[in-house]
Amino acid sequence: MPVTRTSPDTERIGPIIRKLEKQYPEAGIALRYTTPLECVVAVILSAQSTDARVNLVTPMLFAKYKRPE
């Protein structure tokens, strides 16, 4: 049975990911992080700044603040 718009997400995701990987083989994330918390913070900051600038400031930020509290 072919995959359609009404197919379950689990059936649709695989073909979509393969098409994206073929179209953009060099794609990757520019942000630097080591934990899920750091990733979330870096993504939030990157919405208001460039990834390059975020990568400059986050090492000091993450060194000082290791936990969300």
Protein backbone atom coordinates (compact mmCIF):
# COMPACT_ATOMS: atom_id res chain seq x y z
CA MET A 1 0.00 0.00 0.00
CA PRO A 2 1.51 3.39 -0.96
CA VAL A 3 2.19 6.10 1.60
CA THR A 4 -0.38 8.90 1.44
CA ARG A 5 -1.17 12.08 3.33
CA THR A 6 -3.50 10.11 5.57
CA SER A 7 -0.96 7.38 6.38
CA PRO A 8 0.24 7.23 9.99
CA ASP A 9 3.14 9.54 10.88
CA THR A 10 5.47 6.58 11.38
CA GLU A 11 4.98 5.56 7.73
CA ARG A 12 5.33 9.08 6.31
CA ILE A 13 8.43 10.20 8.22
CA GLY A 14 10.92 7.74 6.70
CA PRO A 15 10.41 8.77 3.06
CA ILE A 16 10.44 12.46 4.01
CA ILE A 17 13.74 12.13 5.88
CA ARG A 18 15.33 10.21 3.00
CA LYS A 19 14.27 12.90 0.49
CA LEU A 20 15.65 15.67 2.71
CA GLU A 21 18.96 13.82 3.23
CA LYS A 22 19.29 13.33 -0.53
CA GLN A 23 18.48 16.98 -1.29
CA TYR A 24 20.67 18.40 1.51
CA PRO A 25 23.52 15.92 2.12
CA GLU A 26 25.72 18.48 3.91
CA ALA A 27 22.99 19.79 6.24
CA GLY A 28 23.85 20.05 9.89
CA ILE A 29 23.33 22.15 12.96
CA ALA A 30 25.73 25.06 13.49
CA LEU A 31 25.00 25.51 17.17
CA ARG A 32 27.41 23.99 19.68
CA TYR A 33 25.99 22.25 22.75
CA THR A 34 26.61 19.15 24.87
CA THR A 35 23.30 18.56 26.66
CA PRO A 36 19.62 18.78 25.73
CA LEU A 37 19.25 21.84 28.00
CA GLU A 38 22.13 23.60 26.23
CA CYS A 39 20.53 22.76 22.87
CA VAL A 40 17.20 24.31 23.88
CA VAL A 41 18.86 27.44 25.24
CA ALA A 42 21.05 27.81 22.14
CA VAL A 43 18.05 27.43 19.83
CA ILE A 44 16.07 30.04 21.77
CA LEU A 45 19.00 32.46 21.64
CA SER A 46 19.54 31.82 17.93
CA ALA A 47 16.03 33.06 17.21
CA GLN A 48 17.23 36.54 18.19
CA SER A 49 20.84 36.37 16.98
CA THR A 50 23.13 34.55 14.59
CA ASP A 51 24.35 31.02 15.28
CA ALA A 52 27.92 32.34 15.19
CA ARG A 53 27.17 34.90 17.93
CA VAL A 54 25.33 32.30 20.01
CA ASN A 55 28.37 30.01 19.77
CA LEU A 56 30.54 32.85 21.08
CA VAL A 57 28.46 33.58 24.18
CA THR A 58 27.10 30.19 25.20
CA PRO A 59 30.36 28.65 26.50
CA MET A 60 30.49 31.29 29.27
CA LEU A 61 26.74 31.03 29.86
CA PHE A 62 26.79 27.23 30.09
CA ALA A 63 29.86 27.29 32.35
CA LYS A 64 28.06 29.55 34.82
CA TYR A 65 24.57 28.05 34.59
CA LYS A 66 24.59 24.25 34.47
CA ARG A 67 20.95 23.72 35.49
CA PRO A 68 17.70 25.38 34.43
CA GLU A 69 16.93 26.56 37.96
